[in-house]
C-alpha cells in the first residue's frame, strides 16, 4: 500500500510512489509523526531500490476528532505478544475509538480581501 502522486523533486525527476515507513506518537508535542519514503516509481520500490529521500509529515492530535491514542490502548490489552495482555485500563467511561483516527473536517483558513484601492480621501473618524 502506498500513495501515488506525481511530485517534482529537486533532483530533476518526478517522484510518484510514497510509502509510509514509520509512524511515531510524539506525546510531548501531541503530534503523530509519519515518515514517508519517496520513490521515483512503484517499480523502483518493488525492485528494491533506495528511496529518493524520506519526508516527515506531522499531524497534530488536535486535527483528530478524538485523542488518537485511544485506538492503541485496547490493542495492547489483547495483542498476544504483548506483556500487557489482560491489563486493566486506568480510565473509566467510554472510549471514542471510532473517531480516534478520524480527522476533523478541513476548514479553509479565512481569507482577507484587500481592495485594490481605498476610497480617496478617507473620511475622518467622528
Protein backbone atom coordinates (compact mmCIF):
# COMPACT_ATOMS: atom_id res chain seq x y z
CA UNK A 1 0.00 0.00 0.00
CA UNK A 2 1.25 3.46 -0.86
CA UNK A 3 0.08 6.81 -2.17
CA UNK A 4 0.53 7.61 -5.84
CA UNK A 5 1.10 11.28 -6.66
CA UNK A 6 3.37 12.86 -9.24
CA UNK A 7 5.65 15.25 -7.37
CA UNK A 8 8.60 17.17 -8.86
CA UNK A 9 11.84 16.81 -6.91
CA UNK A 10 14.98 18.90 -6.60
CA UNK A 11 16.84 16.03 -8.30
CA UNK A 12 15.24 16.64 -11.71
CA UNK A 13 13.00 13.55 -11.60
CA UNK A 14 9.42 13.22 -10.50
CA UNK A 15 8.55 11.04 -7.53
CA UNK A 16 5.31 9.11 -7.85
CA UNK A 17 5.36 6.41 -5.13
CA UNK A 18 5.09 7.49 -1.48
CA UNK A 19 5.25 4.73 1.14
CA UNK A 20 4.77 5.10 4.92
CA UNK A 21 7.77 3.57 6.67
CA UNK A 22 7.34 4.72 10.27
CA UNK A 23 4.67 6.26 12.50
CA UNK A 24 5.62 7.81 15.83
CA UNK A 25 3.44 9.30 18.53
CA UNK A 26 5.23 12.34 19.96
CA UNK A 27 3.34 12.63 23.22
CA UNK A 28 5.34 15.63 24.47
CA UNK A 29 4.30 17.54 21.32
CA UNK A 30 0.83 15.94 20.94
CA UNK A 31 1.52 15.01 17.33
CA UNK A 32 1.83 11.95 15.13
CA UNK A 33 4.97 11.98 13.02
CA UNK A 34 4.64 9.97 9.80
CA UNK A 35 7.81 9.13 7.88
CA UNK A 36 7.28 8.61 4.15
CA UNK A 37 9.81 7.01 1.79
CA UNK A 38 9.61 8.72 -1.59
CA UNK A 39 10.41 6.68 -4.70
CA UNK A 40 10.53 7.71 -8.35
CA UNK A 41 8.15 4.87 -9.28
CA UNK A 42 6.44 1.82 -7.83
CA UNK A 43 8.83 -0.28 -9.93
CA UNK A 44 11.80 1.37 -8.21
CA UNK A 45 10.30 0.29 -4.87
CA UNK A 46 9.43 -3.28 -5.91
CA UNK A 47 12.90 -3.78 -7.43
CA UNK A 48 14.46 -2.93 -4.05
CA UNK A 49 15.93 0.45 -4.96
CA UNK A 50 16.57 3.05 -2.28
CA UNK A 51 14.08 5.91 -1.92
CA UNK A 52 15.00 9.29 -3.38
CA UNK A 53 14.52 10.71 0.12
CA UNK A 54 12.39 10.46 3.25
CA UNK A 55 9.97 13.11 4.42
CA UNK A 56 8.23 13.63 7.75
CA UNK A 57 4.64 14.77 7.96
CA UNK A 58 3.42 15.94 11.35
CA UNK A 59 -0.26 15.60 12.25
CA UNK A 60 -1.29 17.38 15.48
CA UNK A 61 -3.61 15.46 17.81
CA UNK A 62 -5.94 18.49 17.58
CA UNK A 63 -6.69 17.52 13.95
CA UNK A 64 -8.41 14.31 15.10
CA UNK A 65 -12.00 14.08 16.28
CA UNK A 66 -10.75 12.45 19.50
CA UNK A 67 -7.40 11.53 21.04
CA UNK A 68 -5.75 9.05 18.62
CA UNK A 69 -4.03 7.20 21.49
CA UNK A 70 -7.44 5.74 22.37
CA UNK A 71 -7.18 3.38 19.41
CA UNK A 72 -4.00 1.75 20.69
CA UNK A 73 -4.52 1.05 24.39
CA UNK A 74 -7.15 -1.65 23.68
CA UNK A 75 -4.77 -3.26 21.17
CA UNK A 76 -2.07 -3.58 23.82
CA UNK A 77 -4.55 -5.32 26.13
CA UNK A 78 -5.34 -8.06 23.59
CA UNK A 79 -2.22 -8.41 21.40
CA UNK A 80 -0.91 -11.90 22.10
CA UNK A 81 2.79 -10.92 22.05
CA UNK A 82 2.33 -8.02 24.44
CA UNK A 83 3.22 -8.33 28.11
CA UNK A 84 0.12 -6.18 28.68
CA UNK A 85 -2.37 -8.90 27.63
CA UNK A 86 -5.22 -8.81 30.11
CA UNK A 87 -4.13 -5.47 31.60
CA UNK A 88 -6.80 -3.33 33.17
CA UNK A 89 -7.23 0.20 31.81
CA UNK A 90 -6.68 3.10 34.20
CA UNK A 91 -9.51 5.07 32.61
CA UNK A 92 -13.22 4.77 33.15
CA UNK A 93 -16.03 5.51 30.77
CA UNK A 94 -16.37 5.02 27.06
CA UNK A 95 -13.56 5.18 24.55
CA UNK A 96 -14.24 7.02 21.31
CA UNK A 97 -12.29 4.57 19.17
CA UNK A 98 -14.42 5.16 16.07
CA UNK A 99 -13.18 8.77 15.98
CA UNK A 100 -9.66 8.18 17.30
CA UNK A 101 -8.17 8.00 13.82
CA UNK A 102 -10.76 10.18 12.05
CA UNK A 103 -9.66 13.68 11.10
CA UNK A 104 -11.84 16.68 11.69
CA UNK A 105 -13.32 18.22 8.54
CA UNK A 106 -10.91 20.54 6.77
CA UNK A 107 -11.66 24.18 7.34
CA UNK A 108 -10.02 26.53 4.89
CA UNK A 109 -8.31 29.47 6.57
CA UNK A 110 -10.14 32.75 6.48
CA UNK A 111 -9.25 34.92 3.52
CA UNK A 112 -8.93 38.65 3.98
CA UNK A 113 -9.80 40.57 0.87
CA UNK A 114 -7.98 43.85 0.50
CA UNK A 115 -9.44 46.18 -2.10
CA UNK A 116 -7.02 47.26 -4.80
CA UNK A 117 -7.58 50.87 -3.92
CA UNK A 118 -9.13 52.53 -0.92
CA UNK A 119 -11.51 55.42 -1.41
CA UNK A 120 -9.69 58.65 -1.51
CA UNK A 121 -9.72 60.69 0.56
CA UNK A 122 -10.50 58.52 3.57
CA UNK A 123 -13.15 60.24 5.66
CA UNK A 124 -12.03 61.34 9.16
CA UNK A 125 -13.23 59.43 12.19
CA UNK A 126 -16.04 61.12 14.15
